Amino acid sequence: MALENLLTLLKNLIIFSSYMTEKSSFPKPLSKEKEQEYLKKSANGDKEAKEILVKHNLRLVAHIAKKYANYGDNDELISIGSIGLMKAIESFKSDKGTSLATYASRCIENEILMTMRTSKKHRSNVSLNEPIGVDKDGNELVIMDMLESDQNVIEDVENSIMMEKLSQITKSALDEREYQIIKLRYGLENTGALTQREVAKKF
């Protein structure tokens, strides 16, 4: 993982810890004036303004994600919906007469539905017993045979190293309570990752 991606992930982890510290509450929506101000800045390439718009519209994402609670993990749905929110902020045009919330709602829901359809199609089309080639002895190989391939082992090692680096960086950037929240949520230090709800119960 590139350093830039590692730092981006770290930043997102810190944002997440701040939500958990505040009893899992998302920031309140911006006033119309502030929203317009940050929309203009974001349109001009201000990344910080875009991040502020995303953070202050996460309640909307969580609200829409609840509609699909029976179809997937809530944390995952919020993550997917957040992608739709970011796309909405990037493409929103205030001169079209539609509010950001209305426009973003459609984008968030579309992103969730699209991901659900893609996931469903992928599950129905792919079988772990599907042939993918033959080995050096001429025996047929299926997807299941490749799940523990050397490449997977290499990736596991790389991910382990990356997670250790991330753990060290995060520990130096957060206080002890915030670090414990992140450690439990993302499985740092070889601990099993918990859901947001499970972490909230512990704090």
C-alpha atoms as a PDB file:
ATOM      1  CA  MET A   1       0.000   0.000   0.000  1.00  0.00           C
ATOM      2  CA  ALA A   2       1.377   3.395  -1.012  1.00  0.00           C
ATOM      3  CA  LEU A   3       2.205   5.898   1.729  1.00  0.00           C
ATOM      4  CA  GLU A   4      -0.452   8.296   0.383  1.00  0.00           C
ATOM      5  CA  ASN A   5      -3.126   5.591   0.667  1.00  0.00           C
ATOM      6  CA  LEU A   6      -1.888   4.670   4.137  1.00  0.00           C
ATOM      7  CA  LEU A   7      -2.178   8.276   5.288  1.00  0.00           C
ATOM      8  CA  THR A   8      -5.661   8.569   3.760  1.00  0.00           C
ATOM      9  CA  LEU A   9      -6.732   5.434   5.601  1.00  0.00           C
ATOM     10  CA  LEU A  10      -5.225   6.772   8.824  1.00  0.00           C
ATOM     11  CA  LYS A  11      -7.162  10.011   8.409  1.00  0.00           C
ATOM     12  CA  ASN A  12     -10.387   8.056   7.916  1.00  0.00           C
ATOM     13  CA  LEU A  13      -9.642   5.985  11.019  1.00  0.00           C
ATOM     14  CA  ILE A  14      -9.161   9.127  13.084  1.00  0.00           C
ATOM     15  CA  ILE A  15     -12.465  10.508  11.780  1.00  0.00           C
ATOM     16  CA  PHE A  16     -14.141   7.223  12.717  1.00  0.00           C
ATOM     17  CA  SER A  17     -12.680   7.315  16.224  1.00  0.00           C
ATOM     18  CA  SER A  18     -14.077  10.810  16.719  1.00  0.00           C
ATOM     19  CA  TYR A  19     -17.579   9.516  15.910  1.00  0.00           C
ATOM     20  CA  MET A  20     -17.185   6.663  18.392  1.00  0.00           C
ATOM     21  CA  THR A  21     -15.851   9.008  21.054  1.00  0.00           C
ATOM     22  CA  GLU A  22     -19.010  11.049  20.637  1.00  0.00           C
ATOM     23  CA  LYS A  23     -21.176   7.967  21.231  1.00  0.00           C
ATOM     24  CA  SER A  24     -21.399   7.109  17.531  1.00  0.00           C
ATOM     25  CA  SER A  25     -23.165  10.363  16.630  1.00  0.00           C
ATOM     26  CA  PHE A  26     -22.503  11.901  13.238  1.00  0.00           C
ATOM     27  CA  PRO A  27     -21.867  15.638  12.850  1.00  0.00           C
ATOM     28  CA  LYS A  28     -24.975  17.787  12.466  1.00  0.00           C
ATOM     29  CA  PRO A  29     -25.936  18.994   8.964  1.00  0.00           C
ATOM     30  CA  LEU A  30     -24.476  22.327   7.894  1.00  0.00           C
ATOM     31  CA  SER A  31     -26.561  25.468   7.647  1.00  0.00           C
ATOM     32  CA  LYS A  32     -27.601  26.417   4.096  1.00  0.00           C
ATOM     33  CA  GLU A  33     -25.119  29.271   4.118  1.00  0.00           C
ATOM     34  CA  LYS A  34     -22.206  27.101   5.234  1.00  0.00           C
ATOM     35  CA  GLU A  35     -23.198  24.343   2.824  1.00  0.00           C
ATOM     36  CA  GLN A  36     -23.155  26.759  -0.108  1.00  0.00           C
ATOM     37  CA  GLU A  37     -19.816  28.135   1.041  1.00  0.00           C
ATOM     38  CA  TYR A  38     -18.188  24.697   1.155  1.00  0.00           C
ATOM     39  CA  LEU A  39     -19.834  23.613  -2.101  1.00  0.00           C
ATOM     40  CA  LYS A  40     -18.216  26.543  -3.888  1.00  0.00           C
ATOM     41  CA  LYS A  41     -14.839  25.770  -2.335  1.00  0.00           C
ATOM     42  CA  SER A  42     -15.182  22.083  -3.178  1.00  0.00           C
ATOM     43  CA  ALA A  43     -16.067  22.904  -6.786  1.00  0.00           C
ATOM     44  CA  ASN A  44     -12.822  24.886  -6.962  1.00  0.00           C
ATOM     45  CA  GLY A  45     -10.784  21.884  -5.837  1.00  0.00           C
ATOM     46  CA  ASP A  46     -10.681  22.480  -2.080  1.00  0.00           C
ATOM     47  CA  LYS A  47     -10.290  18.940  -0.668  1.00  0.00           C
ATOM     48  CA  GLU A  48     -10.834  20.040   2.929  1.00  0.00           C
ATOM     49  CA  ALA A  49     -14.172  21.606   1.972  1.00  0.00           C
ATOM     50  CA  LYS A  50     -15.202  18.353   0.312  1.00  0.00           C
ATOM     51  CA  GLU A  51     -14.280  16.365   3.433  1.00  0.00           C
ATOM     52  CA  ILE A  52     -16.366  18.724   5.570  1.00  0.00           C
ATOM     53  CA  LEU A  53     -19.357  18.262   3.251  1.00  0.00           C
ATOM     54  CA  VAL A  54     -18.957  14.496   3.427  1.00  0.00           C
ATOM     55  CA  LYS A  55     -18.704  14.427   7.238  1.00  0.00           C
ATOM     56  CA  HIS A  56     -21.740  16.641   7.735  1.00  0.00           C
ATOM     57  CA  ASN A  57     -23.900  14.537   5.412  1.00  0.00           C
ATOM     58  CA  LEU A  58     -23.071  11.145   6.910  1.00  0.00           C
ATOM     59  CA  ARG A  59     -26.324  11.185   8.875  1.00  0.00           C
ATOM     60  CA  LEU A  60     -28.120  11.131   5.537  1.00  0.00           C
ATOM     61  CA  VAL A  61     -26.037   8.135   4.453  1.00  0.00           C
ATOM     62  CA  ALA A  62     -26.800   6.282   7.704  1.00  0.00           C
ATOM     63  CA  HIS A  63     -30.519   7.043   7.346  1.00  0.00           C
ATOM     64  CA  ILE A  64     -30.655   5.629   3.812  1.00  0.00           C
ATOM     65  CA  ALA A  65     -28.496   2.626   4.739  1.00  0.00           C
ATOM     66  CA  LYS A  66     -31.072   1.646   7.389  1.00  0.00           C
ATOM     67  CA  LYS A  67     -33.595   0.995   4.606  1.00  0.00           C
ATOM     68  CA  TYR A  68     -31.402  -1.854   3.393  1.00  0.00           C
ATOM     69  CA  ALA A  69     -30.430  -3.262   6.792  1.00  0.00           C
ATOM     70  CA  ASN A  70     -31.859  -6.666   5.857  1.00  0.00           C
ATOM     71  CA  TYR A  71     -29.602  -6.916   2.813  1.00  0.00           C
ATOM     72  CA  GLY A  72     -26.169  -6.395   4.334  1.00  0.00           C
ATOM     73  CA  ASP A  73     -23.968  -5.235   7.199  1.00  0.00           C
ATOM     74  CA  ASN A  74     -24.872  -1.694   8.238  1.00  0.00           C
ATOM     75  CA  ASP A  75     -21.244  -0.523   8.422  1.00  0.00           C
ATOM     76  CA  GLU A  76     -20.620  -1.826   4.912  1.00  0.00           C
ATOM     77  CA  LEU A  77     -23.776  -0.163   3.597  1.00  0.00           C
ATOM     78  CA  ILE A  78     -22.675   3.145   5.117  1.00  0.00           C
ATOM     79  CA  SER A  79     -19.265   2.771   3.470  1.00  0.00           C
ATOM     80  CA  ILE A  80     -20.897   2.104   0.096  1.00  0.00           C
ATOM     81  CA  GLY A  81     -23.348   4.952   0.594  1.00  0.00           C
ATOM     82  CA  SER A  82     -20.468   7.282   1.444  1.00  0.00           C
ATOM     83  CA  ILE A  83     -19.014   6.615  -2.002  1.00  0.00           C
ATOM     84  CA  GLY A  84     -22.323   7.720  -3.496  1.00  0.00           C
ATOM     85  CA  LEU A  85     -22.233  10.815  -1.287  1.00  0.00           C
ATOM     86  CA  MET A  86     -18.751  11.745  -2.511  1.00  0.00           C
ATOM     87  CA  LYS A  87     -19.859  11.299  -6.121  1.00  0.00           C
ATOM     88  CA  ALA A  88     -22.866  13.515  -5.415  1.00  0.00           C
ATOM     89  CA  ILE A  89     -20.714  16.300  -3.969  1.00  0.00           C
ATOM     90  CA  GLU A  90     -18.365  16.128  -6.947  1.00  0.00           C
ATOM     91  CA  SER A  91     -21.146  16.318  -9.540  1.00  0.00           C
ATOM     92  CA  PHE A  92     -23.688  18.549  -7.748  1.00  0.00           C
ATOM     93  CA  LYS A  93     -24.816  21.694  -9.574  1.00  0.00           C
ATOM     94  CA  SER A  94     -26.529  24.214  -7.301  1.00  0.00           C
ATOM     95  CA  ASP A  95     -28.042  26.071 -10.264  1.00  0.00           C
ATOM     96  CA  LYS A  96     -30.297  23.113 -11.135  1.00  0.00           C
ATOM     97  CA  GLY A  97     -32.792  23.997  -8.404  1.00  0.00           C
ATOM     98  CA  THR A  98     -32.289  20.782  -6.407  1.00  0.00           C
ATOM     99  CA  SER A  99     -30.916  20.741  -2.873  1.00  0.00           C
ATOM    100  CA  LEU A 100     -27.727  18.825  -2.111  1.00  0.00           C
ATOM    101  CA  ALA A 101     -29.615  16.526   0.283  1.00  0.00           C
ATOM    102  CA  THR A 102     -32.180  15.573  -2.373  1.00  0.00           C
ATOM    103  CA  TYR A 103     -29.539  15.028  -5.037  1.00  0.00           C
ATOM    104  CA  ALA A 104     -27.211  13.154  -2.682  1.00  0.00           C
ATOM    105  CA  SER A 105     -30.039  10.886  -1.510  1.00  0.00           C
ATOM    106  CA  ARG A 106     -30.519   9.607  -5.050  1.00  0.00           C
ATOM    107  CA  CYS A 107     -26.781   9.113  -5.548  1.00  0.00           C
ATOM    108  CA  ILE A 108     -26.382   7.304  -2.218  1.00  0.00           C
ATOM    109  CA  GLU A 109     -29.308   4.990  -2.877  1.00  0.00           C
ATOM    110  CA  ASN A 110     -28.180   4.316  -6.445  1.00  0.00           C
ATOM    111  CA  GLU A 111     -24.685   3.403  -5.224  1.00  0.00           C
ATOM    112  CA  ILE A 112     -26.075   0.950  -2.673  1.00  0.00           C
ATOM    113  CA  LEU A 113     -28.490  -0.629  -5.167  1.00  0.00           C
ATOM    114  CA  MET A 114     -25.845  -0.879  -7.875  1.00  0.00           C
ATOM    115  CA  THR A 115     -23.407  -2.572  -5.489  1.00  0.00           C
ATOM    116  CA  MET A 116     -26.110  -4.972  -4.303  1.00  0.00           C
ATOM    117  CA  ARG A 117     -27.011  -5.905  -7.890  1.00  0.00           C
ATOM    118  CA  THR A 118     -23.362  -6.392  -8.838  1.00  0.00           C
ATOM    119  CA  SER A 119     -22.725  -8.510  -5.745  1.00  0.00           C
ATOM    120  CA  LYS A 120     -25.807 -10.637  -6.390  1.00  0.00           C
ATOM    121  CA  LYS A 121     -24.862 -11.160 -10.043  1.00  0.00           C
ATOM    122  CA  HIS A 122     -21.293 -12.041  -9.074  1.00  0.00           C
ATOM    123  CA  ARG A 123     -22.459 -14.597  -6.518  1.00  0.00           C
ATOM    124  CA  SER A 124     -24.823 -16.225  -9.012  1.00  0.00           C
ATOM    125  CA  ASN A 125     -22.264 -16.343 -11.821  1.00  0.00           C
ATOM    126  CA  VAL A 126     -19.166 -17.508  -9.976  1.00  0.00           C
ATOM    127  CA  SER A 127     -18.711 -20.953  -8.478  1.00  0.00           C
ATOM    128  CA  LEU A 128     -15.760 -22.035  -6.378  1.00  0.00           C
ATOM    129  CA  ASN A 129     -15.739 -25.203  -8.481  1.00  0.00           C
ATOM    130  CA  GLU A 130     -15.467 -23.317 -11.760  1.00  0.00           C
ATOM    131  CA  PRO A 131     -12.483 -24.571 -13.852  1.00  0.00           C
ATOM    132  CA  ILE A 132      -9.727 -21.995 -14.355  1.00  0.00           C
ATOM    133  CA  GLY A 133      -6.954 -24.104 -15.906  1.00  0.00           C
ATOM    134  CA  VAL A 134      -4.684 -27.072 -15.261  1.00  0.00           C
ATOM    135  CA  ASP A 135      -1.664 -27.639 -13.026  1.00  0.00           C
ATOM    136  CA  LYS A 136       1.793 -28.859 -14.123  1.00  0.00           C
ATOM    137  CA  ASP A 137       0.562 -32.463 -14.020  1.00  0.00           C
ATOM    138  CA  GLY A 138      -2.398 -31.739 -16.263  1.00  0.00           C
ATOM    139  CA  ASN A 139      -4.958 -31.849 -13.468  1.00  0.00           C
ATOM    140  CA  GLU A 140      -7.873 -29.446 -13.697  1.00  0.00           C
ATOM    141  CA  LEU A 141      -7.700 -26.467 -11.344  1.00  0.00           C
ATOM    142  CA  VAL A 142     -10.752 -24.743  -9.919  1.00  0.00           C
ATOM    143  CA  ILE A 143     -11.071 -21.434  -8.072  1.00  0.00           C
ATOM    144  CA  MET A 144     -11.051 -23.240  -4.713  1.00  0.00           C
ATOM    145  CA  ASP A 145      -7.578 -24.610  -5.472  1.00  0.00           C
ATOM    146  CA  MET A 146      -6.208 -21.100  -5.860  1.00  0.00           C
ATOM    147  CA  LEU A 147      -7.539 -19.647  -2.617  1.00  0.00           C
ATOM    148  CA  GLU A 148      -4.370 -20.680  -0.775  1.00  0.00           C
ATOM    149  CA  SER A 149      -1.941 -19.951  -3.615  1.00  0.00           C
ATOM    150  CA  ASP A 150       1.519 -18.479  -3.090  1.00  0.00           C
ATOM    151  CA  GLN A 151       0.217 -15.101  -4.216  1.00  0.00           C
ATOM    152  CA  ASN A 152      -2.351 -15.133  -1.450  1.00  0.00           C
ATOM    153  CA  VAL A 153       0.371 -15.937   1.075  1.00  0.00           C
ATOM    154  CA  ILE A 154       2.490 -13.046  -0.216  1.00  0.00           C
ATOM    155  CA  GLU A 155      -0.486 -10.684  -0.005  1.00  0.00           C
ATOM    156  CA  ASP A 156      -1.195 -11.856   3.549  1.00  0.00           C
ATOM    157  CA  VAL A 157       2.382 -11.055   4.557  1.00  0.00           C
ATOM    158  CA  GLU A 158       2.230  -7.640   2.865  1.00  0.00           C
ATOM    159  CA  ASN A 159      -1.081  -6.870   4.553  1.00  0.00           C
ATOM    160  CA  SER A 160       0.324  -7.956   7.914  1.00  0.00           C
ATOM    161  CA  ILE A 161       3.298  -5.603   7.513  1.00  0.00           C
ATOM    162  CA  MET A 162       1.005  -2.770   6.405  1.00  0.00           C
ATOM    163  CA  MET A 163      -1.325  -3.301   9.372  1.00  0.00           C
ATOM    164  CA  GLU A 164       1.628  -3.249  11.781  1.00  0.00           C
ATOM    165  CA  LYS A 165       2.831   0.047  10.306  1.00  0.00           C
ATOM    166  CA  LEU A 166      -0.697   1.416  10.467  1.00  0.00           C
ATOM    167  CA  SER A 167      -0.964   0.335  14.096  1.00  0.00           C
ATOM    168  CA  GLN A 168       2.261   2.163  14.992  1.00  0.00           C
ATOM    169  CA  ILE A 169       1.233   5.365  13.185  1.00  0.00           C
ATOM    170  CA  THR A 170      -2.276   5.302  14.646  1.00  0.00           C
ATOM    171  CA  LYS A 171      -0.989   4.711  18.176  1.00  0.00           C
ATOM    172  CA  SER A 172       1.176   7.812  17.968  1.00  0.00           C
ATOM    173  CA  ALA A 173      -1.649   9.964  16.563  1.00  0.00           C
ATOM    174  CA  LEU A 174      -4.461   9.025  18.968  1.00  0.00           C
ATOM    175  CA  ASP A 175      -4.944   8.980  22.705  1.00  0.00           C
ATOM    176  CA  GLU A 176      -5.259   5.592  24.429  1.00  0.00           C
ATOM    177  CA  ARG A 177      -9.081   5.413  24.331  1.00  0.00           C
ATOM    178  CA  GLU A 178      -9.279   6.410  20.674  1.00  0.00           C
ATOM    179  CA  TYR A 179      -6.588   3.885  19.795  1.00  0.00           C
ATOM    180  CA  GLN A 180      -8.450   1.080  21.584  1.00  0.00           C
ATOM    181  CA  ILE A 181     -11.573   1.940  19.569  1.00  0.00           C
ATOM    182  CA  ILE A 182      -9.673   1.764  16.289  1.00  0.00           C
ATOM    183  CA  LYS A 183      -7.833  -1.407  17.321  1.00  0.00           C
ATOM    184  CA  LEU A 184     -11.078  -3.222  18.059  1.00  0.00           C
ATOM    185  CA  ARG A 185     -12.892  -1.922  14.969  1.00  0.00           C
ATOM    186  CA  TYR A 186     -10.178  -2.755  12.451  1.00  0.00           C
ATOM    187  CA  GLY A 187      -8.469  -5.706  14.130  1.00  0.00           C
ATOM    188  CA  LEU A 188      -5.095  -4.077  14.718  1.00  0.00           C
ATOM    189  CA  GLU A 189      -2.451  -6.044  16.652  1.00  0.00           C
ATOM    190  CA  ASN A 190      -3.983  -9.292  15.326  1.00  0.00           C
ATOM    191  CA  THR A 191      -7.235  -8.793  17.225  1.00  0.00           C
ATOM    192  CA  GLY A 192     -10.447  -9.794  15.510  1.00  0.00           C
ATOM    193  CA  ALA A 193     -12.246  -6.853  13.898  1.00  0.00           C
ATOM    194  CA  LEU A 194     -15.560  -5.951  15.540  1.00  0.00           C
ATOM    195  CA  THR A 195     -18.564  -4.205  14.046  1.00  0.00           C
ATOM    196  CA  GLN A 196     -19.223  -0.567  14.906  1.00  0.00           C
ATOM    197  CA  ARG A 197     -22.095  -1.638  17.145  1.00  0.00           C
ATOM    198  CA  GLU A 198     -19.927  -4.148  19.039  1.00  0.00           C
ATOM    199  CA  VAL A 199     -17.273  -1.491  19.617  1.00  0.00           C
ATOM    200  CA  ALA A 200     -19.888   0.994  20.830  1.00  0.00           C
ATOM    201  CA  LYS A 201     -21.096  -1.498  23.455  1.00  0.00           C
ATOM    202  CA  LYS A 202     -17.596  -1.657  24.926  1.00  0.00           C
ATOM    203  CA  PHE A 203     -17.369   2.133  25.262  1.00  0.00           C
END
